[in-house]
Amino acid sequence: MLAWGLAWINAKVLSNYLDSFSLIFWRFLIAAISLVFVAKFLKHSLKIDFKTFFVAFIAAILMLFYNYFFFRGTSLGDAGFGGVLVTTLNPILTFFAVAILQRKNLGKKEYFALFLGALGSFIMLEIWQYGFGVFTQNAIKYFLLAATTWVFITLVSTLNKKATAVVFSFYMYLLVVFIDYLFFLDRKLTPIYNFDWIFWLNLFAISLFAVTFATTVYFLATVQKGSKYASAFIFLVPFSAAIFATIFLGEKLKNTTIIGGLIVVVAIYILQDYKWHNILFKRRKSGI
């Protein structure tokens, strides 16, 4: 969780060196290579069928755009604020997207959680100060697009029924690299070997620490302890992002970010009892 929180600071620092699509290429190339060794260590076969590959391809497109919004948002705005806003909105938006798709009737508790989620988000955005024009601000716009895109990544990823999470992630990351290189970099890469140690430290942190290490540990914890146990620790991500931004970037942590973030965390906690993750991952009885 701390690694995921730190990734927002890594992204802010790296935006001073390269454009978003170049950062995406190097991040996921390093992550994909490292996952080969993880898969070998866990004794997972890298063989997948065409359907799983196609799902990974769609997820890769979404992952590419999510990371574009992620890097662009942090380059234009505060990393700590983005880390709190996006990571608290992700589970809220995912829950209601799943509820709509599954045609679940929501009770008073769920609607109350939605109200808290909206209230906390508006407080973080300081809606009373900027009005709804806040949604046109570039950094805010990219942060909200990132949160929305992550919902679709989650939904598409659940279509993977055969490959392990590590193997599926490997193909998804590898496809991100190829799509990015062919369509967004125009087969031209900025040389990075002359960059200083700060660049390399943050690049490996955002690739190996935040992607390979953190994701692998999270999946292993989910298998051994259960999804509800593992997902409870996600509450650490937004606030670790804010704290790291204050320590390493000197960003001022606003009271509105703290208060709004806490309110949204309460909303997420309420939704935990609804077991939205069980709804999301269970198979349909009809086999479709």
Protein backbone atom coordinates (compact mmCIF):
# COMPACT_ATOMS: atom_id res chain seq x y z
CA MET A 1 0.00 0.00 0.00
CA LEU A 2 2.88 2.34 0.80
CA ALA A 3 4.42 1.52 -2.58
CA TRP A 4 1.20 2.44 -4.36
CA GLY A 5 1.00 5.67 -2.39
CA LEU A 6 4.62 6.51 -3.19
CA ALA A 7 3.96 5.99 -6.91
CA TRP A 8 2.16 9.34 -7.07
CA ILE A 9 5.32 11.08 -5.89
CA ASN A 10 7.47 9.05 -8.30
CA ALA A 11 5.20 10.14 -11.15
CA LYS A 12 5.49 13.81 -10.19
CA VAL A 13 9.29 13.64 -10.14
CA LEU A 14 9.52 11.68 -13.41
CA SER A 15 7.29 14.18 -15.21
CA ASN A 16 10.22 16.60 -15.05
CA TYR A 17 12.27 14.26 -17.26
CA LEU A 18 9.98 12.69 -19.88
CA ASP A 19 6.56 13.00 -21.47
CA SER A 20 3.74 10.75 -20.29
CA PHE A 21 3.87 8.18 -23.10
CA SER A 22 7.64 7.74 -22.74
CA LEU A 23 7.22 7.16 -19.02
CA ILE A 24 4.50 4.61 -19.70
CA PHE A 25 6.80 2.71 -22.08
CA TRP A 26 9.71 2.43 -19.66
CA ARG A 27 7.53 1.76 -16.61
CA PHE A 28 5.73 -1.20 -18.12
CA LEU A 29 8.71 -2.58 -19.99
CA ILE A 30 10.59 -2.92 -16.70
CA ALA A 31 7.49 -4.27 -14.96
CA ALA A 32 6.79 -6.85 -17.69
CA ILE A 33 10.36 -8.16 -17.65
CA SER A 34 10.33 -8.46 -13.88
CA LEU A 35 7.04 -10.38 -13.91
CA VAL A 36 8.69 -13.11 -16.00
CA PHE A 37 10.94 -13.84 -13.02
CA VAL A 38 8.01 -13.60 -10.59
CA ALA A 39 6.01 -16.08 -12.67
CA LYS A 40 8.98 -18.44 -12.80
CA PHE A 41 9.45 -18.15 -9.02
CA LEU A 42 5.76 -18.89 -8.41
CA LYS A 43 5.90 -21.69 -11.02
CA HIS A 44 3.18 -20.12 -13.18
CA SER A 45 3.07 -21.06 -16.85
CA LEU A 46 3.07 -18.10 -19.27
CA LYS A 47 0.84 -19.98 -21.72
CA ILE A 48 -2.60 -18.42 -22.23
CA ASP A 49 -5.46 -18.97 -24.67
CA PHE A 50 -6.65 -16.48 -27.28
CA LYS A 51 -9.65 -15.31 -25.24
CA THR A 52 -7.44 -14.42 -22.27
CA PHE A 53 -4.99 -12.67 -24.61
CA PHE A 54 -7.84 -10.63 -26.10
CA VAL A 55 -9.04 -9.61 -22.64
CA ALA A 56 -5.47 -8.61 -21.77
CA PHE A 57 -5.34 -6.56 -24.97
CA ILE A 58 -8.48 -4.58 -24.07
CA ALA A 59 -7.22 -4.14 -20.50
CA ALA A 60 -3.87 -2.94 -21.87
CA ILE A 61 -5.53 -0.17 -23.88
CA LEU A 62 -7.39 0.98 -20.79
CA MET A 63 -4.25 0.68 -18.64
CA LEU A 64 -2.33 2.84 -21.12
CA PHE A 65 -4.92 5.61 -20.94
CA TYR A 66 -5.18 5.33 -17.16
CA ASN A 67 -1.45 5.86 -16.85
CA TYR A 68 -1.56 8.75 -19.32
CA PHE A 69 -4.17 10.47 -17.15
CA PHE A 70 -2.15 9.51 -14.07
CA PHE A 71 1.10 11.03 -15.34
CA ARG A 72 -0.55 14.09 -16.88
CA GLY A 73 -2.55 14.81 -13.74
CA THR A 74 0.47 14.60 -11.47
CA SER A 75 2.55 16.75 -13.83
CA LEU A 76 -0.07 19.51 -13.75
CA GLY A 77 -1.36 19.23 -10.19
CA ASP A 78 -0.41 18.16 -6.68
CA ALA A 79 0.58 14.50 -6.41
CA GLY A 80 -0.76 14.21 -2.86
CA PHE A 81 -4.16 15.60 -3.79
CA GLY A 82 -4.39 13.35 -6.85
CA GLY A 83 -3.37 10.33 -4.80
CA VAL A 84 -6.16 10.95 -2.30
CA LEU A 85 -8.85 11.85 -4.84
CA VAL A 86 -8.26 9.02 -7.34
CA THR A 87 -7.60 6.18 -4.90
CA THR A 88 -10.66 6.99 -2.80
CA LEU A 89 -12.93 7.40 -5.82
CA ASN A 90 -11.81 4.13 -7.45
CA PRO A 91 -13.63 1.70 -5.12
CA ILE A 92 -16.70 3.95 -4.87
CA LEU A 93 -17.11 4.22 -8.64
CA THR A 94 -16.34 0.53 -9.12
CA PHE A 95 -18.99 -0.49 -6.61
CA PHE A 96 -21.75 1.46 -8.29
CA ALA A 97 -20.68 0.40 -11.77
CA VAL A 98 -20.92 -3.23 -10.67
CA ALA A 99 -24.26 -2.61 -8.98
CA ILE A 100 -25.67 -1.11 -12.18
CA LEU A 101 -24.33 -3.90 -14.41
CA GLN A 102 -25.57 -6.60 -12.04
CA ARG A 103 -28.89 -4.75 -11.62
CA LYS A 104 -28.59 -4.85 -7.86
CA ASN A 105 -31.17 -3.02 -5.80
CA LEU A 106 -29.36 -0.68 -3.44
CA GLY A 107 -30.55 -0.13 0.10
CA LYS A 108 -30.48 2.96 2.27
CA LYS A 109 -27.00 2.09 3.50
CA GLU A 110 -25.58 2.01 -0.02
CA TYR A 111 -27.25 5.28 -1.01
CA PHE A 112 -25.90 6.84 2.18
CA ALA A 113 -22.42 5.66 1.20
CA LEU A 114 -22.91 7.23 -2.24
CA PHE A 115 -23.90 10.50 -0.57
CA LEU A 116 -20.80 10.37 1.65
CA GLY A 117 -18.61 9.60 -1.35
CA ALA A 118 -19.97 12.57 -3.28
CA LEU A 119 -19.76 14.83 -0.21
CA GLY A 120 -16.17 13.86 0.52
CA SER A 121 -15.18 14.35 -3.12
CA PHE A 122 -16.78 17.81 -3.27
CA ILE A 123 -14.97 18.80 -0.08
CA MET A 124 -11.64 17.68 -1.53
CA LEU A 125 -12.39 19.62 -4.71
CA GLU A 126 -13.48 22.68 -2.66
CA ILE A 127 -16.57 22.92 -4.82
CA TRP A 128 -17.85 25.97 -2.91
CA GLN A 129 -14.78 27.94 -3.92
CA TYR A 130 -14.59 27.07 -7.61
CA GLY A 131 -18.09 25.86 -8.40
CA PHE A 132 -18.56 23.15 -10.99
CA GLY A 133 -15.96 24.91 -13.10
CA VAL A 134 -13.43 22.95 -11.03
CA PHE A 135 -14.10 20.01 -13.34
CA THR A 136 -12.61 21.94 -16.26
CA GLN A 137 -9.26 22.44 -14.53
CA ASN A 138 -6.66 20.34 -16.33
CA ALA A 139 -5.23 18.47 -13.32
CA ILE A 140 -8.69 17.74 -11.86
CA LYS A 141 -9.93 16.61 -15.26
CA TYR A 142 -7.09 14.12 -15.64
CA PHE A 143 -7.50 12.82 -12.08
CA LEU A 144 -11.21 12.20 -12.61
CA LEU A 145 -10.55 10.53 -15.97
CA ALA A 146 -8.01 8.28 -14.25
CA ALA A 147 -10.51 7.26 -11.56
CA THR A 148 -13.17 6.54 -14.18
CA THR A 149 -10.81 4.57 -16.43
CA TRP A 150 -9.75 2.38 -13.51
CA VAL A 151 -13.35 1.21 -13.13
CA PHE A 152 -13.31 -0.17 -16.68
CA ILE A 153 -9.92 -1.81 -16.11
CA THR A 154 -11.36 -3.59 -13.08
CA LEU A 155 -14.45 -4.76 -14.96
CA VAL A 156 -12.52 -5.97 -18.00
CA SER A 157 -9.92 -7.75 -15.86
CA THR A 158 -12.63 -9.85 -14.23
CA LEU A 159 -13.29 -11.43 -17.64
CA ASN A 160 -10.01 -13.29 -17.19
CA LYS A 161 -11.09 -16.67 -15.87
CA LYS A 162 -8.07 -18.86 -16.56
CA ALA A 163 -4.73 -17.09 -16.22
CA THR A 164 -3.29 -16.23 -12.82
CA ALA A 165 -3.15 -12.55 -11.87
CA VAL A 166 0.62 -12.45 -12.36
CA VAL A 167 0.49 -14.02 -15.84
CA PHE A 168 -2.46 -11.87 -16.92
CA SER A 169 -0.65 -8.75 -15.68
CA PHE A 170 2.48 -9.76 -17.60
CA TYR A 171 0.63 -9.89 -20.92
CA MET A 172 -1.32 -6.73 -20.14
CA TYR A 173 1.87 -4.78 -19.34
CA LEU A 174 3.70 -6.19 -22.36
CA LEU A 175 0.83 -5.17 -24.63
CA VAL A 176 0.85 -1.69 -23.10
CA VAL A 177 4.50 -1.40 -24.17
CA PHE A 178 3.81 -2.46 -27.77
CA ILE A 179 0.69 -0.32 -28.19
CA ASP A 180 2.43 2.69 -26.70
CA TYR A 181 5.51 2.23 -28.89
CA LEU A 182 3.62 1.68 -32.15
CA PHE A 183 0.86 4.29 -31.87
CA PHE A 184 1.91 6.98 -29.40
CA LEU A 185 5.70 7.17 -29.52
CA ASP A 186 5.92 6.88 -33.31
CA ARG A 187 8.74 4.38 -32.72
CA LYS A 188 10.93 7.10 -31.25
CA LEU A 189 12.28 6.93 -27.71
CA THR A 190 14.05 9.62 -25.76
CA PRO A 191 17.46 8.34 -24.55
CA ILE A 192 17.41 7.88 -20.78
CA TYR A 193 20.91 6.62 -20.01
CA ASN A 194 22.20 10.15 -19.33
CA PHE A 195 19.61 10.95 -16.66
CA ASP A 196 20.72 11.30 -13.03
CA TRP A 197 20.22 8.88 -10.15
CA ILE A 198 17.02 10.63 -9.04
CA PHE A 199 15.38 9.64 -12.33
CA TRP A 200 16.54 6.03 -12.08
CA LEU A 201 15.52 5.72 -8.44
CA ASN A 202 11.99 6.94 -9.18
CA LEU A 203 11.71 4.90 -12.39
CA PHE A 204 12.59 1.65 -10.65
CA ALA A 205 10.38 2.57 -7.68
CA ILE A 206 7.33 3.20 -9.87
CA SER A 207 8.02 0.07 -11.93
CA LEU A 208 9.43 -2.59 -9.61
CA PHE A 209 8.28 -1.36 -6.21
CA ALA A 210 4.80 -0.07 -7.10
CA VAL A 211 3.92 -2.57 -9.84
CA THR A 212 5.85 -5.82 -9.51
CA PHE A 213 6.43 -6.00 -5.76
CA ALA A 214 3.24 -4.33 -4.49
CA THR A 215 0.89 -6.02 -6.93
CA THR A 216 2.40 -9.47 -6.36
CA VAL A 217 2.24 -9.12 -2.59
CA TYR A 218 -1.35 -7.91 -2.79
CA PHE A 219 -2.41 -10.89 -4.91
CA LEU A 220 -0.63 -13.33 -2.60
CA ALA A 221 -2.26 -11.72 0.44
CA THR A 222 -5.65 -11.97 -1.26
CA VAL A 223 -5.16 -15.70 -1.85
CA GLN A 224 -3.88 -16.44 1.66
CA LYS A 225 -5.99 -14.05 3.76
CA GLY A 226 -9.00 -13.34 1.60
CA SER A 227 -10.01 -10.37 -0.54
CA LYS A 228 -11.79 -8.50 2.25
CA TYR A 229 -8.76 -8.72 4.54
CA ALA A 230 -6.38 -7.58 1.81
CA SER A 231 -8.62 -4.82 0.46
CA ALA A 232 -8.92 -3.27 3.94
CA PHE A 233 -5.32 -2.13 3.67
CA ILE A 234 -6.16 -0.05 0.58
CA PHE A 235 -7.21 2.66 3.03
CA LEU A 236 -3.49 3.30 3.53
CA VAL A 237 -2.91 4.30 -0.10
CA PRO A 238 -4.50 7.78 -0.27
CA PHE A 239 -3.05 8.99 2.99
CA SER A 240 0.41 7.57 2.35
CA ALA A 241 0.35 9.44 -0.99
CA ALA A 242 -0.54 12.68 0.80
CA ILE A 243 2.10 12.19 3.51
CA PHE A 244 4.85 11.29 1.02
CA ALA A 245 3.94 14.36 -1.08
CA THR A 246 4.33 16.53 1.99
CA ILE A 247 7.69 14.99 2.93
CA PHE A 248 9.36 14.66 -0.48
CA LEU A 249 7.68 17.36 -2.59
CA GLY A 250 6.91 19.95 0.06
CA GLU A 251 3.24 20.03 -0.94
CA LYS A 252 0.88 21.50 1.63
CA LEU A 253 -1.71 19.03 2.81
CA LYS A 254 -5.00 20.93 2.90
CA ASN A 255 -7.54 20.36 5.64
CA THR A 256 -10.18 19.87 2.95
CA THR A 257 -8.16 17.00 1.46
CA ILE A 258 -7.86 15.31 4.86
CA ILE A 259 -11.51 15.81 5.83
CA GLY A 260 -12.88 14.88 2.41
CA GLY A 261 -10.60 11.86 2.19
CA LEU A 262 -11.71 10.60 5.60
CA ILE A 263 -15.39 10.95 4.65
CA VAL A 264 -14.86 8.94 1.45
CA VAL A 265 -12.95 6.29 3.41
CA VAL A 266 -16.00 5.94 5.70
CA ALA A 267 -18.13 5.46 2.58
CA ILE A 268 -15.77 2.73 1.35
CA TYR A 269 -15.88 1.05 4.75
CA ILE A 270 -19.68 0.97 4.63
CA LEU A 271 -19.60 -0.63 1.20
CA GLN A 272 -17.15 -3.30 2.41
CA ASP A 273 -20.04 -5.07 4.15
CA TYR A 274 -21.91 -5.21 0.85
CA LYS A 275 -19.19 -7.52 -0.47
CA TRP A 276 -19.09 -5.83 -3.88
CA HIS A 277 -15.87 -7.72 -4.62
CA ASN A 278 -17.76 -11.01 -4.29
CA ILE A 279 -20.40 -9.78 -6.72
CA LEU A 280 -17.69 -8.71 -9.12
CA PHE A 281 -15.66 -11.89 -9.17
CA LYS A 282 -18.26 -14.62 -8.91
CA ARG A 283 -19.26 -16.56 -12.00
CA ARG A 284 -22.75 -16.38 -13.36
CA LYS A 285 -24.72 -19.57 -12.72
CA SER A 286 -25.66 -19.74 -16.39
CA GLY A 287 -21.99 -19.97 -17.28
CA ILE A 288 -22.05 -16.87 -19.50
